[in-house]
Amino acid sequence: VQFVESGGGLVQPGGSLRLSCTGSGVPIDAEIMTWHRQVPGKAREWVATLFPGGATIYADSVKGRFTVSRDEAKNTMYLAMDSLQPEDTAVYYCQQHGSTAWGQGTQVTVSS
C-alpha cells in the first residue's frame, strides 16, 4: 500500500492549489482517507477527512476554503485549496486512516 502526494508549489496569498494523493494497493473509495500538514518544528496537524460514503469533515482552520474529493477511476484523492494564506504554508500529506505510514508529502508555500 502506497500513497503519493503531488501538486504543491508556490502561490500568492489569496491563490489556489489542488493537491493530489494517488494510491496503489488499496481502493481509496473503500477507505477513510485523511489530509494532514506539518510545519518544520511543529506537530503534524489534521486537515480533512474523506469517508467512503463521500462525507467530509474539516479542521476549523480550513473549513470553507479547502475541499476534499476523489476520483475513483484514478484512485486519487484531491485537496482543493482556495483563499490560501501564509499560515497554510506546510508540507501536506495524505494517509489511510489507521495507518502509521507517511508518504513524502508535497510542499505548499504561500508567499508574496
Protein backbone atom coordinates (compact mmCIF):
# COMPACT_ATOMS: atom_id res chain seq x y z
CA VAL A 1 0.00 0.00 0.00
CA GLN A 2 1.44 3.35 -1.02
CA PHE A 3 0.20 6.90 -1.41
CA VAL A 4 1.98 9.61 -3.38
CA GLU A 5 1.20 13.28 -2.87
CA SER A 6 1.72 15.89 -5.57
CA GLY A 7 0.54 19.30 -6.71
CA GLY A 8 2.24 21.56 -4.22
CA GLY A 9 4.04 24.75 -5.13
CA LEU A 10 4.44 28.45 -4.52
CA VAL A 11 1.30 30.56 -4.60
CA GLN A 12 0.47 34.13 -3.62
CA PRO A 13 -1.90 34.88 -0.74
CA GLY A 14 -5.46 34.52 -1.92
CA GLY A 15 -4.49 31.99 -4.55
CA SER A 16 -5.48 28.39 -5.09
CA LEU A 17 -3.86 24.98 -5.47
CA ARG A 18 -5.11 21.45 -5.88
CA LEU A 19 -3.17 18.63 -4.27
CA SER A 20 -3.40 15.01 -5.37
CA CYS A 21 -2.97 11.79 -3.43
CA THR A 22 -2.71 8.74 -5.66
CA GLY A 23 -2.97 5.33 -4.09
CA SER A 24 -1.71 1.93 -5.09
CA GLY A 25 -2.55 -1.35 -3.43
CA VAL A 26 -5.81 -0.16 -1.90
CA PRO A 27 -9.00 1.35 -3.34
CA ILE A 28 -9.25 4.88 -1.95
CA ASP A 29 -13.03 4.89 -2.15
CA ALA A 30 -13.21 1.97 0.32
CA GLU A 31 -11.05 3.64 2.96
CA ILE A 32 -11.26 6.57 5.32
CA MET A 33 -8.64 8.92 3.90
CA THR A 34 -7.14 11.95 5.60
CA TRP A 35 -5.07 15.01 4.77
CA HIS A 36 -2.56 16.41 7.24
CA ARG A 37 0.04 19.16 7.15
CA GLN A 38 3.22 19.92 9.02
CA VAL A 39 5.36 22.98 9.52
CA PRO A 40 9.00 22.32 10.47
CA GLY A 41 9.38 22.29 14.22
CA LYS A 42 5.67 21.82 14.84
CA ALA A 43 3.42 18.80 15.29
CA ARG A 44 1.62 17.40 12.28
CA GLU A 45 -1.90 18.85 12.01
CA TRP A 46 -5.01 17.11 10.75
CA VAL A 47 -6.68 19.00 7.90
CA ALA A 48 -9.54 16.95 6.48
CA THR A 49 -11.11 13.50 6.24
CA LEU A 50 -12.96 11.84 3.38
CA PHE A 51 -15.20 8.90 4.25
CA PRO A 52 -16.04 6.02 1.90
CA GLY A 53 -19.62 7.25 1.54
CA GLY A 54 -18.40 10.68 0.46
CA ALA A 55 -18.89 12.60 3.69
CA THR A 56 -16.17 15.06 4.61
CA ILE A 57 -15.01 16.88 7.73
CA TYR A 58 -12.52 19.70 8.03
CA ALA A 59 -10.36 21.40 10.61
CA ASP A 60 -11.79 24.76 11.64
CA SER A 61 -8.69 26.49 10.23
CA VAL A 62 -9.51 25.38 6.67
CA LYS A 63 -13.31 25.00 6.73
CA GLY A 64 -14.93 26.88 3.88
CA ARG A 65 -11.63 27.21 1.99
CA PHE A 66 -10.50 23.62 1.41
CA THR A 67 -12.47 20.87 -0.31
CA VAL A 68 -11.56 17.19 -0.38
CA SER A 69 -12.81 14.91 -3.15
CA ARG A 70 -11.80 11.79 -5.03
CA ASP A 71 -11.73 10.28 -8.50
CA GLU A 72 -12.37 6.57 -8.14
CA ALA A 73 -11.27 5.80 -11.69
CA LYS A 74 -7.88 7.31 -10.96
CA ASN A 75 -7.76 6.03 -7.37
CA THR A 76 -6.85 9.56 -6.41
CA MET A 77 -7.96 11.89 -3.64
CA TYR A 78 -7.74 15.65 -4.06
CA LEU A 79 -7.47 18.64 -1.75
CA ALA A 80 -8.62 21.82 -3.45
CA MET A 81 -7.33 24.80 -1.52
CA ASP A 82 -8.74 28.29 -2.07
CA SER A 83 -8.08 31.64 -0.42
CA LEU A 84 -4.67 30.43 0.66
CA GLN A 85 -2.88 32.34 3.39
CA PRO A 86 0.73 32.34 4.58
CA GLU A 87 -0.28 30.27 7.59
CA ASP A 88 -1.27 27.47 5.20
CA THR A 89 2.40 27.03 4.29
CA ALA A 90 3.37 23.47 5.18
CA VAL A 91 4.18 20.05 3.83
CA TYR A 92 0.89 18.31 3.07
CA TYR A 93 0.44 14.57 3.49
CA CYS A 94 -2.34 12.11 2.81
CA GLN A 95 -2.86 8.96 4.81
CA GLN A 96 -5.13 5.97 5.05
CA HIS A 97 -6.90 6.21 8.42
CA GLY A 98 -5.36 3.80 10.91
CA SER A 99 -2.07 3.56 9.07
CA THR A 100 1.22 4.63 10.61
CA ALA A 101 2.91 5.12 7.25
CA TRP A 102 3.53 8.53 5.69
CA GLY A 103 4.49 9.46 2.17
CA GLN A 104 6.98 12.11 1.17
CA GLY A 105 4.37 14.85 1.19
CA THR A 106 4.13 17.87 -1.07
CA GLN A 107 5.31 21.36 -0.14
CA VAL A 108 2.84 24.25 -0.24
CA THR A 109 4.28 27.73 0.17
CA VAL A 110 2.03 30.77 0.32
CA SER A 111 4.01 33.95 -0.05
CA SER A 112 4.04 37.20 -1.97
